[in-house]
Structure formats: structure tokens, C-alpha cells
Amino acid sequence: MKKHLFTRAVKRKIKETGRKRADIGESAGLSESHIQKWEAGSIPSVVNADALLRALGVRLVIGDPDGPDLEV
């Protein structure tokens, strides 16, 4: 995902939820400062991006969402 697309998506979802960053961070197990950095353009790790997006009610899909599941 391009940097600006992630940043815009995060900002939009935070605004849509009407929740405070501190509340979202607590739900995701992340700090408010991390969320602020990502809104400013930093890209989180996949694990942190997934946690943030789950707290915002979004599922992170990497690759083909209709492809086979990867079993580990």
C-alpha cells in the first residue's frame, strides 16, 4: 500500500468512528503517539497496522482476498 493511501485511510476511519486516538490506541494495544505518527505519514509494521485497523473495525488483507488461506 502506498504511504499516502494508508495515511488517508487511517485519518478517514478515525474521523468516521468519532473515537479519540487514546481510546483507539488502548483498544489496539498501541500508544496514541504511534497513531499520530501514522497519521503524519509513517508506515507501521504489518502487526501494528493490523492491530490499529482492527481497533477501527477494518480487516487487513494482504494479497488476494479470494486466494487460499495460509496455514502456519
N, C-alpha and C. Protein backbone atom coordinates (compact mmCIF):
# COMPACT_ATOMS: atom_id res chain seq x y z
N MET A 1 0.85 -1.17 0.00
CA MET A 1 0.00 0.00 0.00
C MET A 1 0.89 1.23 0.00
N LYS A 2 0.56 2.17 -0.83
CA LYS A 2 1.34 3.40 -0.87
C LYS A 2 1.14 4.19 0.41
N LYS A 3 2.20 4.88 0.79
CA LYS A 3 2.23 5.61 2.05
C LYS A 3 1.03 6.54 2.22
N HIS A 4 0.76 7.35 1.23
CA HIS A 4 -0.32 8.33 1.38
C HIS A 4 -1.70 7.66 1.45
N LEU A 5 -1.86 6.50 0.85
CA LEU A 5 -3.15 5.81 0.90
C LEU A 5 -3.42 5.31 2.32
N PHE A 6 -2.41 4.75 2.97
CA PHE A 6 -2.58 4.28 4.34
C PHE A 6 -2.90 5.45 5.26
N THR A 7 -2.14 6.53 5.12
CA THR A 7 -2.35 7.72 5.95
C THR A 7 -3.77 8.25 5.80
N ARG A 8 -4.22 8.39 4.56
CA ARG A 8 -5.59 8.90 4.32
C ARG A 8 -6.65 7.96 4.87
N ALA A 9 -6.43 6.67 4.70
CA ALA A 9 -7.40 5.68 5.18
C ALA A 9 -7.51 5.72 6.71
N VAL A 10 -6.37 5.81 7.39
CA VAL A 10 -6.37 5.87 8.86
C VAL A 10 -7.08 7.13 9.33
N LYS A 11 -6.73 8.27 8.76
CA LYS A 11 -7.37 9.53 9.15
C LYS A 11 -8.89 9.46 8.95
N ARG A 12 -9.30 8.93 7.81
CA ARG A 12 -10.74 8.84 7.50
C ARG A 12 -11.46 7.93 8.49
N LYS A 13 -10.87 6.76 8.77
CA LYS A 13 -11.52 5.82 9.70
C LYS A 13 -11.58 6.39 11.11
N ILE A 14 -10.55 7.08 11.56
CA ILE A 14 -10.58 7.69 12.89
C ILE A 14 -11.70 8.72 12.96
N LYS A 15 -11.80 9.53 11.93
CA LYS A 15 -12.86 10.55 11.89
C LYS A 15 -14.24 9.90 11.86
N GLU A 16 -14.40 8.84 11.07
CA GLU A 16 -15.68 8.14 10.97
C GLU A 16 -16.11 7.55 12.31
N THR A 17 -15.17 7.01 13.06
CA THR A 17 -15.52 6.37 14.33
C THR A 17 -15.88 7.39 15.40
N GLY A 18 -15.31 8.60 15.28
CA GLY A 18 -15.55 9.63 16.29
C GLY A 18 -14.86 9.34 17.61
N ARG A 19 -13.97 8.36 17.62
CA ARG A 19 -13.25 7.98 18.84
C ARG A 19 -11.97 8.77 18.97
N LYS A 20 -11.51 8.91 20.19
CA LYS A 20 -10.24 9.59 20.44
C LYS A 20 -9.09 8.64 20.16
N ARG A 21 -7.96 9.20 19.74
CA ARG A 21 -6.79 8.38 19.43
C ARG A 21 -6.35 7.55 20.63
N ALA A 22 -6.43 8.12 21.82
CA ALA A 22 -6.02 7.39 23.02
C ALA A 22 -6.90 6.16 23.22
N ASP A 23 -8.19 6.28 22.96
CA ASP A 23 -9.12 5.16 23.09
C ASP A 23 -8.83 4.09 22.04
N ILE A 24 -8.59 4.53 20.82
CA ILE A 24 -8.25 3.59 19.74
C ILE A 24 -6.95 2.88 20.06
N GLY A 25 -5.96 3.64 20.52
CA GLY A 25 -4.67 3.06 20.88
C GLY A 25 -4.80 2.04 21.98
N GLU A 26 -5.62 2.35 22.98
CA GLU A 26 -5.82 1.39 24.08
C GLU A 26 -6.46 0.11 23.56
N SER A 27 -7.45 0.24 22.69
CA SER A 27 -8.11 -0.94 22.11
C SER A 27 -7.13 -1.78 21.29
N ALA A 28 -6.20 -1.10 20.63
CA ALA A 28 -5.25 -1.78 19.75
C ALA A 28 -3.97 -2.21 20.47
N GLY A 29 -3.79 -1.76 21.71
CA GLY A 29 -2.54 -2.05 22.42
C GLY A 29 -1.39 -1.21 21.90
N LEU A 30 -1.71 -0.01 21.42
CA LEU A 30 -0.72 0.89 20.84
C LEU A 30 -0.79 2.25 21.53
N SER A 31 0.26 3.02 21.42
CA SER A 31 0.25 4.35 22.03
C SER A 31 -0.40 5.37 21.09
N GLU A 32 -0.92 6.42 21.69
CA GLU A 32 -1.51 7.50 20.91
C GLU A 32 -0.47 8.14 19.99
N SER A 33 0.78 8.21 20.47
CA SER A 33 1.84 8.83 19.66
C SER A 33 2.12 8.00 18.40
N HIS A 34 1.99 6.67 18.49
CA HIS A 34 2.15 5.84 17.30
C HIS A 34 1.08 6.20 16.27
N ILE A 35 -0.14 6.33 16.71
CA ILE A 35 -1.23 6.65 15.80
C ILE A 35 -1.00 8.01 15.16
N GLN A 36 -0.55 8.98 15.94
CA GLN A 36 -0.26 10.31 15.40
C GLN A 36 0.84 10.25 14.35
N LYS A 37 1.86 9.44 14.58
CA LYS A 37 2.94 9.30 13.60
C LYS A 37 2.41 8.72 12.30
N TRP A 38 1.54 7.72 12.41
CA TRP A 38 0.99 7.09 11.21
C TRP A 38 0.07 8.04 10.46
N GLU A 39 -0.66 8.87 11.19
CA GLU A 39 -1.49 9.89 10.53
C GLU A 39 -0.61 10.91 9.80
N ALA A 40 0.59 11.12 10.31
CA ALA A 40 1.51 12.09 9.71
C ALA A 40 2.29 11.51 8.53
N GLY A 41 2.16 10.19 8.30
CA GLY A 41 2.81 9.62 7.14
C GLY A 41 3.74 8.45 7.37
N SER A 42 4.07 8.14 8.63
CA SER A 42 4.89 6.97 8.89
C SER A 42 4.08 5.71 8.59
N ILE A 43 4.78 4.66 8.24
CA ILE A 43 4.11 3.39 7.95
C ILE A 43 4.43 2.41 9.08
N PRO A 44 3.40 1.85 9.71
CA PRO A 44 3.64 0.89 10.79
C PRO A 44 4.02 -0.48 10.26
N SER A 45 4.48 -1.32 11.18
CA SER A 45 4.71 -2.72 10.80
C SER A 45 3.36 -3.35 10.47
N VAL A 46 3.39 -4.48 9.82
CA VAL A 46 2.14 -5.17 9.47
C VAL A 46 1.37 -5.54 10.72
N VAL A 47 2.07 -5.97 11.75
CA VAL A 47 1.42 -6.35 13.01
C VAL A 47 0.71 -5.15 13.63
N ASN A 48 1.40 -4.00 13.69
CA ASN A 48 0.79 -2.80 14.27
C ASN A 48 -0.33 -2.26 13.39
N ALA A 49 -0.15 -2.31 12.07
CA ALA A 49 -1.20 -1.86 11.17
C ALA A 49 -2.45 -2.71 11.37
N ASP A 50 -2.27 -4.01 11.50
CA ASP A 50 -3.41 -4.91 11.72
C ASP A 50 -4.11 -4.58 13.03
N ALA A 51 -3.35 -4.36 14.10
CA ALA A 51 -3.95 -4.03 15.40
C ALA A 51 -4.73 -2.72 15.33
N LEU A 52 -4.14 -1.71 14.68
CA LEU A 52 -4.81 -0.43 14.54
C LEU A 52 -6.09 -0.56 13.72
N LEU A 53 -6.00 -1.23 12.59
CA LEU A 53 -7.16 -1.36 11.73
C LEU A 53 -8.27 -2.18 12.39
N ARG A 54 -7.90 -3.20 13.13
CA ARG A 54 -8.92 -3.99 13.86
C ARG A 54 -9.64 -3.11 14.88
N ALA A 55 -8.89 -2.25 15.57
CA ALA A 55 -9.50 -1.34 16.54
C ALA A 55 -10.44 -0.36 15.86
N LEU A 56 -10.19 -0.10 14.58
CA LEU A 56 -11.04 0.79 13.79
C LEU A 56 -12.15 0.03 13.05
N GLY A 57 -12.20 -1.28 13.25
CA GLY A 57 -13.25 -2.08 12.61
C GLY A 57 -12.96 -2.45 11.17
N VAL A 58 -11.67 -2.48 10.81
CA VAL A 58 -11.26 -2.78 9.44
C VAL A 58 -10.40 -4.04 9.44
N ARG A 59 -10.59 -4.89 8.45
CA ARG A 59 -9.77 -6.10 8.33
C ARG A 59 -8.63 -5.84 7.35
N LEU A 60 -7.43 -6.19 7.74
CA LEU A 60 -6.25 -6.03 6.88
C LEU A 60 -6.10 -7.27 6.01
N VAL A 61 -6.09 -7.08 4.71
CA VAL A 61 -5.92 -8.19 3.77
C VAL A 61 -4.67 -7.90 2.95
N ILE A 62 -3.76 -8.85 2.93
CA ILE A 62 -2.54 -8.71 2.14
C ILE A 62 -2.60 -9.76 1.05
N GLY A 63 -2.50 -9.32 -0.18
CA GLY A 63 -2.59 -10.25 -1.30
C GLY A 63 -4.02 -10.39 -1.78
N ASP A 64 -4.33 -11.50 -2.36
CA ASP A 64 -5.63 -11.77 -2.94
C ASP A 64 -6.61 -12.22 -1.87
N PRO A 65 -7.65 -11.41 -1.56
CA PRO A 65 -8.58 -11.79 -0.53
C PRO A 65 -9.39 -13.04 -0.87
N ASP A 66 -9.42 -13.40 -2.15
CA ASP A 66 -10.16 -14.59 -2.57
C ASP A 66 -9.25 -15.80 -2.74
N GLY A 67 -7.95 -15.60 -2.49
CA GLY A 67 -6.99 -16.69 -2.65
C GLY A 67 -7.07 -17.66 -1.46
N PRO A 68 -6.28 -18.70 -1.51
CA PRO A 68 -6.31 -19.70 -0.43
C PRO A 68 -5.72 -19.13 0.85
N ASP A 69 -6.19 -19.65 1.98
CA ASP A 69 -5.66 -19.25 3.27
C ASP A 69 -4.28 -19.87 3.46
N LEU A 70 -3.45 -19.17 4.18
CA LEU A 70 -2.12 -19.67 4.51
C LEU A 70 -2.20 -20.28 5.90
N GLU A 71 -1.89 -21.53 6.02
CA GLU A 71 -1.90 -22.19 7.31
C GLU A 71 -0.47 -22.30 7.80
N VAL A 72 -0.26 -21.88 9.03
CA VAL A 72 1.08 -21.90 9.61
C VAL A 72 1.12 -22.90 10.73
